[in-house]
């Protein structure tokens, strides 16, 4: 089960896994919501950690359209690294 998308730049698969304090960037009131939408339009996969959402009492209705969801962000990162993805943390 692969959850990858091709970007329009060079065919590189990019997935952004958002968890912890960063989850606010995916909320409906996010100041960077337009940048998230732009990234999605370019084929970047953006997923929210449902564990973080649950802890903050957020539902999918509270989140931006077009994003994906994973049960646990850390597990998603581990899966992707096993598949050969590079983990780049800001």
Protein backbone atom coordinates (compact mmCIF):
# COMPACT_ATOMS: atom_id res chain seq x y z
CA UNK A 1 0.00 0.00 0.00
CA UNK A 2 1.78 3.09 -1.22
CA UNK A 3 0.58 6.59 -0.41
CA UNK A 4 2.90 8.49 -2.67
CA UNK A 5 2.31 11.16 -5.26
CA UNK A 6 4.56 12.43 -8.00
CA UNK A 7 5.53 16.07 -7.90
CA UNK A 8 5.58 18.07 -11.10
CA UNK A 9 9.19 19.12 -10.56
CA UNK A 10 11.23 16.01 -11.21
CA UNK A 11 9.22 12.91 -10.35
CA UNK A 12 10.39 12.78 -6.74
CA UNK A 13 7.89 11.40 -4.24
CA UNK A 14 7.33 13.86 -1.39
CA UNK A 15 5.19 13.23 1.66
CA UNK A 16 4.89 15.69 4.52
CA UNK A 17 3.88 14.03 7.78
CA UNK A 18 2.48 16.56 10.24
CA UNK A 19 2.27 15.75 13.94
CA UNK A 20 2.68 17.40 17.33
CA UNK A 21 2.68 21.21 17.46
CA UNK A 22 2.87 21.44 13.66
CA UNK A 23 -0.67 20.11 13.27
CA UNK A 24 -2.01 23.67 13.48
CA UNK A 25 -0.72 24.36 9.97
CA UNK A 26 -3.37 21.96 8.66
CA UNK A 27 -6.30 23.51 10.50
CA UNK A 28 -9.05 25.43 8.73
CA UNK A 29 -7.83 28.70 10.26
CA UNK A 30 -4.19 28.11 9.32
CA UNK A 31 -2.18 31.14 8.24
CA UNK A 32 -0.32 28.90 5.80
CA UNK A 33 -3.39 27.15 4.41
CA UNK A 34 -2.79 28.65 0.96
CA UNK A 35 0.75 27.25 0.92
CA UNK A 36 -0.57 23.82 1.91
CA UNK A 37 -3.09 23.99 -0.94
CA UNK A 38 -0.34 25.00 -3.38
CA UNK A 39 1.81 22.04 -2.30
CA UNK A 40 -1.13 19.65 -2.68
CA UNK A 41 -1.81 21.02 -6.16
CA UNK A 42 1.81 20.25 -7.11
CA UNK A 43 1.43 16.64 -6.05
CA UNK A 44 2.93 16.76 -2.57
CA UNK A 45 1.23 14.30 -0.22
CA UNK A 46 0.41 15.91 3.13
CA UNK A 47 -0.87 13.74 5.97
CA UNK A 48 -2.02 14.56 9.48
CA UNK A 49 -1.35 12.37 12.51
CA UNK A 50 -4.67 11.24 13.96
CA UNK A 51 -3.03 10.58 17.37
CA UNK A 52 -2.12 14.27 17.58
CA UNK A 53 -5.57 15.28 16.37
CA UNK A 54 -7.22 13.07 18.99
CA UNK A 55 -5.04 14.54 21.74
CA UNK A 56 -6.04 18.07 20.70
CA UNK A 57 -9.70 17.11 20.20
CA UNK A 58 -9.55 17.91 16.47
CA UNK A 59 -11.69 16.17 13.89
CA UNK A 60 -11.36 15.91 10.14
CA UNK A 61 -13.99 18.65 9.90
CA UNK A 62 -11.47 20.99 11.60
CA UNK A 63 -8.83 20.34 8.95
CA UNK A 64 -8.05 21.66 5.46
CA UNK A 65 -9.51 19.85 2.47
CA UNK A 66 -7.29 17.59 0.43
CA UNK A 67 -4.95 16.35 3.14
CA UNK A 68 -4.60 12.70 4.10
CA UNK A 69 -4.62 11.05 7.49
CA UNK A 70 -2.49 8.41 9.17
CA UNK A 71 -3.17 6.77 12.54
CA UNK A 72 0.29 7.66 13.92
CA UNK A 73 2.74 10.13 12.38
CA UNK A 74 5.83 8.49 13.88
CA UNK A 75 4.82 5.08 12.51
CA UNK A 76 4.26 6.64 9.07
CA UNK A 77 7.77 8.09 9.19
CA UNK A 78 9.23 4.72 10.13
CA UNK A 79 7.35 3.00 7.27
CA UNK A 80 8.55 5.55 4.76
CA UNK A 81 12.15 5.27 5.90
CA UNK A 82 11.92 1.49 5.53
CA UNK A 83 10.65 2.06 1.97
CA UNK A 84 13.73 4.17 1.23
CA UNK A 85 12.41 7.67 1.88
CA UNK A 86 14.78 10.22 3.39
CA UNK A 87 13.58 11.85 6.61
CA UNK A 88 14.18 15.58 6.50
CA UNK A 89 13.17 17.46 9.60
CA UNK A 90 13.10 21.27 9.70
